[in-house]
Amino acid sequence: MSGRGLHRTGTLVLSLLMSAIGIGLIVESLAAVGGVVSSRLLLGVLFLAAGGARLYLLGRGRRT
């Protein structure tokens, strides 16, 4: 595997992990008895957004 392919695979794996962590944090914060707006919920949304943005940019880069 070339360096570019290895980098792309690593980015894909880390992006999926970031999204999974974000979903886990969101589910955990919504299942807790605490308020709807919490730091865990905000952190989960940010992780999910960052992972999704990385996946979007990774897919967009393949077309060029």
PDB file of N, CA and C in Angstrom:
ATOM      1  N   MET A   1       0.851  -1.165   0.000  1.00  0.00           N
ATOM      2  CA  MET A   1       0.000   0.000   0.000  1.00  0.00           C
ATOM      3  C   MET A   1       0.900   1.231   0.000  1.00  0.00           C
ATOM      4  N   SER A   2       0.552   2.196  -0.831  1.00  0.00           N
ATOM      5  CA  SER A   2       1.346   3.414  -0.925  1.00  0.00           C
ATOM      6  C   SER A   2       1.104   4.318   0.281  1.00  0.00           C
ATOM      7  N   GLY A   3       1.933   5.316   0.415  1.00  0.00           N
ATOM      8  CA  GLY A   3       1.796   6.257   1.522  1.00  0.00           C
ATOM      9  C   GLY A   3       0.468   6.997   1.476  1.00  0.00           C
ATOM     10  N   ARG A   4       0.026   7.349   0.268  1.00  0.00           N
ATOM     11  CA  ARG A   4      -1.242   8.067   0.118  1.00  0.00           C
ATOM     12  C   ARG A   4      -2.413   7.176   0.505  1.00  0.00           C
ATOM     13  N   GLY A   5      -2.365   5.927   0.116  1.00  0.00           N
ATOM     14  CA  GLY A   5      -3.436   4.992   0.474  1.00  0.00           C
ATOM     15  C   GLY A   5      -3.485   4.721   1.967  1.00  0.00           C
ATOM     16  N   LEU A   6      -2.319   4.630   2.581  1.00  0.00           N
ATOM     17  CA  LEU A   6      -2.238   4.423   4.022  1.00  0.00           C
ATOM     18  C   LEU A   6      -2.796   5.634   4.771  1.00  0.00           C
ATOM     19  N   HIS A   7      -2.477   6.816   4.292  1.00  0.00           N
ATOM     20  CA  HIS A   7      -2.991   8.044   4.904  1.00  0.00           C
ATOM     21  C   HIS A   7      -4.511   8.113   4.775  1.00  0.00           C
ATOM     22  N   ARG A   8      -5.018   7.772   3.609  1.00  0.00           N
ATOM     23  CA  ARG A   8      -6.472   7.803   3.375  1.00  0.00           C
ATOM     24  C   ARG A   8      -7.195   6.787   4.268  1.00  0.00           C
ATOM     25  N   THR A   9      -6.618   5.609   4.412  1.00  0.00           N
ATOM     26  CA  THR A   9      -7.220   4.584   5.272  1.00  0.00           C
ATOM     27  C   THR A   9      -7.190   5.005   6.736  1.00  0.00           C
ATOM     28  N   GLY A  10      -6.084   5.578   7.161  1.00  0.00           N
ATOM     29  CA  GLY A  10      -5.978   6.064   8.532  1.00  0.00           C
ATOM     30  C   GLY A  10      -6.977   7.175   8.820  1.00  0.00           C
ATOM     31  N   THR A  11      -7.144   8.083   7.866  1.00  0.00           N
ATOM     32  CA  THR A  11      -8.123   9.158   8.022  1.00  0.00           C
ATOM     33  C   THR A  11      -9.532   8.598   8.103  1.00  0.00           C
ATOM     34  N   LEU A  12      -9.837   7.605   7.293  1.00  0.00           N
ATOM     35  CA  LEU A  12     -11.157   6.987   7.308  1.00  0.00           C
ATOM     36  C   LEU A  12     -11.436   6.327   8.660  1.00  0.00           C
ATOM     37  N   VAL A  13     -10.475   5.574   9.154  1.00  0.00           N
ATOM     38  CA  VAL A  13     -10.654   4.874  10.430  1.00  0.00           C
ATOM     39  C   VAL A  13     -10.826   5.864  11.575  1.00  0.00           C
ATOM     40  N   LEU A  14      -9.986   6.879  11.637  1.00  0.00           N
ATOM     41  CA  LEU A  14     -10.076   7.856  12.717  1.00  0.00           C
ATOM     42  C   LEU A  14     -11.370   8.675  12.628  1.00  0.00           C
ATOM     43  N   SER A  15     -11.816   8.970  11.426  1.00  0.00           N
ATOM     44  CA  SER A  15     -13.073   9.701  11.265  1.00  0.00           C
ATOM     45  C   SER A  15     -14.256   8.875  11.748  1.00  0.00           C
ATOM     46  N   LEU A  16     -14.250   7.601  11.434  1.00  0.00           N
ATOM     47  CA  LEU A  16     -15.330   6.727  11.901  1.00  0.00           C
ATOM     48  C   LEU A  16     -15.298   6.583  13.422  1.00  0.00           C
ATOM     49  N   LEU A  17     -14.098   6.508  13.997  1.00  0.00           N
ATOM     50  CA  LEU A  17     -13.976   6.430  15.457  1.00  0.00           C
ATOM     51  C   LEU A  17     -14.470   7.715  16.125  1.00  0.00           C
ATOM     52  N   MET A  18     -14.141   8.864  15.547  1.00  0.00           N
ATOM     53  CA  MET A  18     -14.618  10.131  16.099  1.00  0.00           C
ATOM     54  C   MET A  18     -16.141  10.202  16.058  1.00  0.00           C
ATOM     55  N   SER A  19     -16.722   9.753  14.956  1.00  0.00           N
ATOM     56  CA  SER A  19     -18.179   9.757  14.843  1.00  0.00           C
ATOM     57  C   SER A  19     -18.810   8.808  15.847  1.00  0.00           C
ATOM     58  N   ALA A  20     -18.210   7.637  16.033  1.00  0.00           N
ATOM     59  CA  ALA A  20     -18.742   6.669  17.000  1.00  0.00           C
ATOM     60  C   ALA A  20     -18.647   7.204  18.427  1.00  0.00           C
ATOM     61  N   ILE A  21     -17.546   7.864  18.754  1.00  0.00           N
ATOM     62  CA  ILE A  21     -17.416   8.468  20.080  1.00  0.00           C
ATOM     63  C   ILE A  21     -18.464   9.547  20.268  1.00  0.00           C
ATOM     64  N   GLY A  22     -18.682  10.339  19.237  1.00  0.00           N
ATOM     65  CA  GLY A  22     -19.702  11.383  19.318  1.00  0.00           C
ATOM     66  C   GLY A  22     -21.092  10.823  19.537  1.00  0.00           C
ATOM     67  N   ILE A  23     -21.444   9.774  18.813  1.00  0.00           N
ATOM     68  CA  ILE A  23     -22.756   9.147  18.982  1.00  0.00           C
ATOM     69  C   ILE A  23     -22.870   8.558  20.385  1.00  0.00           C
ATOM     70  N   GLY A  24     -21.803   7.926  20.853  1.00  0.00           N
ATOM     71  CA  GLY A  24     -21.823   7.365  22.205  1.00  0.00           C
ATOM     72  C   GLY A  24     -22.021   8.427  23.272  1.00  0.00           C
ATOM     73  N   LEU A  25     -21.348   9.558  23.131  1.00  0.00           N
ATOM     74  CA  LEU A  25     -21.506  10.644  24.093  1.00  0.00           C
ATOM     75  C   LEU A  25     -22.913  11.225  24.062  1.00  0.00           C
ATOM     76  N   ILE A  26     -23.478  11.358  22.875  1.00  0.00           N
ATOM     77  CA  ILE A  26     -24.841  11.885  22.753  1.00  0.00           C
ATOM     78  C   ILE A  26     -25.834  10.940  23.407  1.00  0.00           C
ATOM     79  N   VAL A  27     -25.723   9.646  23.118  1.00  0.00           N
ATOM     80  CA  VAL A  27     -26.642   8.663  23.695  1.00  0.00           C
ATOM     81  C   VAL A  27     -26.500   8.626  25.213  1.00  0.00           C
ATOM     82  N   GLU A  28     -25.268   8.649  25.681  1.00  0.00           N
ATOM     83  CA  GLU A  28     -25.033   8.609  27.126  1.00  0.00           C
ATOM     84  C   GLU A  28     -25.614   9.835  27.821  1.00  0.00           C
ATOM     85  N   SER A  29     -25.447  11.005  27.226  1.00  0.00           N
ATOM     86  CA  SER A  29     -25.950  12.219  27.873  1.00  0.00           C
ATOM     87  C   SER A  29     -27.469  12.290  27.827  1.00  0.00           C
ATOM     88  N   LEU A  30     -28.090  11.776  26.777  1.00  0.00           N
ATOM     89  CA  LEU A  30     -29.551  11.781  26.704  1.00  0.00           C
ATOM     90  C   LEU A  30     -30.163  10.728  27.622  1.00  0.00           C
ATOM     91  N   ALA A  31     -29.427   9.643  27.860  1.00  0.00           N
ATOM     92  CA  ALA A  31     -29.935   8.595  28.749  1.00  0.00           C
ATOM     93  C   ALA A  31     -29.773   8.972  30.217  1.00  0.00           C
ATOM     94  N   ALA A  32     -28.870   9.877  30.503  1.00  0.00           N
ATOM     95  CA  ALA A  32     -28.654  10.296  31.894  1.00  0.00           C
ATOM     96  C   ALA A  32     -29.830  11.150  32.362  1.00  0.00           C
ATOM     97  N   VAL A  33     -29.966  11.251  33.652  1.00  0.00           N
ATOM     98  CA  VAL A  33     -31.073  11.995  34.244  1.00  0.00           C
ATOM     99  C   VAL A  33     -30.838  13.505  34.142  1.00  0.00           C
ATOM    100  N   GLY A  34     -29.625  13.925  33.886  1.00  0.00           N
ATOM    101  CA  GLY A  34     -29.275  15.342  33.854  1.00  0.00           C
ATOM    102  C   GLY A  34     -30.022  16.103  32.776  1.00  0.00           C
ATOM    103  N   GLY A  35     -29.760  17.392  32.716  1.00  0.00           N
ATOM    104  CA  GLY A  35     -30.440  18.253  31.757  1.00  0.00           C
ATOM    105  C   GLY A  35     -30.088  17.905  30.325  1.00  0.00           C
ATOM    106  N   VAL A  36     -30.933  18.381  29.415  1.00  0.00           N
ATOM    107  CA  VAL A  36     -30.724  18.090  27.998  1.00  0.00           C
ATOM    108  C   VAL A  36     -29.466  18.783  27.497  1.00  0.00           C
ATOM    109  N   VAL A  37     -29.235  20.003  27.937  1.00  0.00           N
ATOM    110  CA  VAL A  37     -28.042  20.724  27.517  1.00  0.00           C
ATOM    111  C   VAL A  37     -26.942  20.472  28.544  1.00  0.00           C
ATOM    112  N   SER A  38     -25.994  19.666  28.163  1.00  0.00           N
ATOM    113  CA  SER A  38     -24.888  19.350  29.058  1.00  0.00           C
ATOM    114  C   SER A  38     -23.585  19.396  28.274  1.00  0.00           C
ATOM    115  N   SER A  39     -22.495  19.364  28.990  1.00  0.00           N
ATOM    116  CA  SER A  39     -21.196  19.401  28.325  1.00  0.00           C
ATOM    117  C   SER A  39     -20.945  18.124  27.528  1.00  0.00           C
ATOM    118  N   ARG A  40     -21.448  16.982  28.013  1.00  0.00           N
ATOM    119  CA  ARG A  40     -21.288  15.725  27.259  1.00  0.00           C
ATOM    120  C   ARG A  40     -22.025  15.782  25.931  1.00  0.00           C
ATOM    121  N   LEU A  41     -23.225  16.359  25.952  1.00  0.00           N
ATOM    122  CA  LEU A  41     -24.007  16.468  24.719  1.00  0.00           C
ATOM    123  C   LEU A  41     -23.291  17.371  23.721  1.00  0.00           C
ATOM    124  N   LEU A  42     -22.800  18.502  24.190  1.00  0.00           N
ATOM    125  CA  LEU A  42     -22.076  19.423  23.313  1.00  0.00           C
ATOM    126  C   LEU A  42     -20.819  18.768  22.764  1.00  0.00           C
ATOM    127  N   LEU A  43     -20.083  18.080  23.605  1.00  0.00           N
ATOM    128  CA  LEU A  43     -18.876  17.399  23.163  1.00  0.00           C
ATOM    129  C   LEU A  43     -19.206  16.302  22.143  1.00  0.00           C
ATOM    130  N   GLY A  44     -20.296  15.567  22.379  1.00  0.00           N
ATOM    131  CA  GLY A  44     -20.715  14.541  21.433  1.00  0.00           C
ATOM    132  C   GLY A  44     -21.079  15.113  20.079  1.00  0.00           C
ATOM    133  N   VAL A  45     -21.804  16.226  20.086  1.00  0.00           N
ATOM    134  CA  VAL A  45     -22.167  16.872  18.819  1.00  0.00           C
ATOM    135  C   VAL A  45     -20.916  17.350  18.085  1.00  0.00           C
ATOM    136  N   LEU A  46     -19.965  17.899  18.814  1.00  0.00           N
ATOM    137  CA  LEU A  46     -18.729  18.369  18.189  1.00  0.00           C
ATOM    138  C   LEU A  46     -17.902  17.217  17.617  1.00  0.00           C
ATOM    139  N   PHE A  47     -17.818  16.103  18.346  1.00  0.00           N
ATOM    140  CA  PHE A  47     -17.102  14.930  17.827  1.00  0.00           C
ATOM    141  C   PHE A  47     -17.787  14.398  16.566  1.00  0.00           C
ATOM    142  N   LEU A  48     -19.109  14.328  16.610  1.00  0.00           N
ATOM    143  CA  LEU A  48     -19.847  13.832  15.447  1.00  0.00           C
ATOM    144  C   LEU A  48     -19.665  14.759  14.250  1.00  0.00           C
ATOM    145  N   ALA A  49     -19.705  16.059  14.482  1.00  0.00           N
ATOM    146  CA  ALA A  49     -19.512  17.015  13.394  1.00  0.00           C
ATOM    147  C   ALA A  49     -18.104  16.936  12.818  1.00  0.00           C
ATOM    148  N   ALA A  50     -17.107  16.800  13.675  1.00  0.00           N
ATOM    149  CA  ALA A  50     -15.724  16.722  13.200  1.00  0.00           C
ATOM    150  C   ALA A  50     -15.491  15.439  12.393  1.00  0.00           C
ATOM    151  N   GLY A  51     -16.013  14.319  12.889  1.00  0.00           N
ATOM    152  CA  GLY A  51     -15.868  13.064  12.149  1.00  0.00           C
ATOM    153  C   GLY A  51     -16.598  13.103  10.821  1.00  0.00           C
ATOM    154  N   GLY A  52     -17.799  13.667  10.819  1.00  0.00           N
ATOM    155  CA  GLY A  52     -18.557  13.781   9.576  1.00  0.00           C
ATOM    156  C   GLY A  52     -17.895  14.713   8.577  1.00  0.00           C
ATOM    157  N   ALA A  53     -17.333  15.807   9.050  1.00  0.00           N
ATOM    158  CA  ALA A  53     -16.641  16.736   8.158  1.00  0.00           C
ATOM    159  C   ALA A  53     -15.402  16.097   7.547  1.00  0.00           C
ATOM    160  N   ARG A  54     -14.680  15.331   8.353  1.00  0.00           N
ATOM    161  CA  ARG A  54     -13.498  14.643   7.815  1.00  0.00           C
ATOM    162  C   ARG A  54     -13.887  13.615   6.761  1.00  0.00           C
ATOM    163  N   LEU A  55     -14.981  12.893   7.012  1.00  0.00           N
ATOM    164  CA  LEU A  55     -15.447  11.922   6.020  1.00  0.00           C
ATOM    165  C   LEU A  55     -15.901  12.622   4.738  1.00  0.00           C
ATOM    166  N   TYR A  56     -16.578  13.740   4.890  1.00  0.00           N
ATOM    167  CA  TYR A  56     -17.027  14.506   3.728  1.00  0.00           C
ATOM    168  C   TYR A  56     -15.829  14.972   2.902  1.00  0.00           C
ATOM    169  N   LEU A  57     -14.833  15.543   3.569  1.00  0.00           N
ATOM    170  CA  LEU A  57     -13.667  16.030   2.848  1.00  0.00           C
ATOM    171  C   LEU A  57     -12.860  14.890   2.237  1.00  0.00           C
ATOM    172  N   LEU A  58     -12.831  13.750   2.901  1.00  0.00           N
ATOM    173  CA  LEU A  58     -12.124  12.596   2.348  1.00  0.00           C
ATOM    174  C   LEU A  58     -12.808  12.130   1.061  1.00  0.00           C
ATOM    175  N   GLY A  59     -14.130  12.059   1.086  1.00  0.00           N
ATOM    176  CA  GLY A  59     -14.863  11.658  -0.109  1.00  0.00           C
ATOM    177  C   GLY A  59     -14.783  12.677  -1.218  1.00  0.00           C
ATOM    178  N   ARG A  60     -14.751  13.936  -0.859  1.00  0.00           N
ATOM    179  CA  ARG A  60     -14.677  14.999  -1.848  1.00  0.00           C
ATOM    180  C   ARG A  60     -13.314  15.025  -2.517  1.00  0.00           C
ATOM    181  N   GLY A  61     -12.266  14.663  -1.782  1.00  0.00           N
ATOM    182  CA  GLY A  61     -10.919  14.679  -2.342  1.00  0.00           C
ATOM    183  C   GLY A  61     -10.686  13.592  -3.379  1.00  0.00           C
ATOM    184  N   ARG A  62     -11.455  12.540  -3.348  1.00  0.00           N
ATOM    185  CA  ARG A  62     -11.273  11.447  -4.317  1.00  0.00           C
ATOM    186  C   ARG A  62     -11.664  11.859  -5.726  1.00  0.00           C
ATOM    187  N   ARG A  63     -12.589  12.800  -5.838  1.00  0.00           N
ATOM    188  CA  ARG A  63     -13.094  13.199  -7.160  1.00  0.00           C
ATOM    189  C   ARG A  63     -12.140  14.077  -7.920  1.00  0.00           C
ATOM    190  N   THR A  64     -11.201  14.711  -7.223  1.00  0.00           N
ATOM    191  CA  THR A  64     -10.304  15.644  -7.904  1.00  0.00           C
ATOM    192  C   THR A  64      -9.087  14.942  -8.426  1.00  0.00           C
TER     193      THR A  64
END
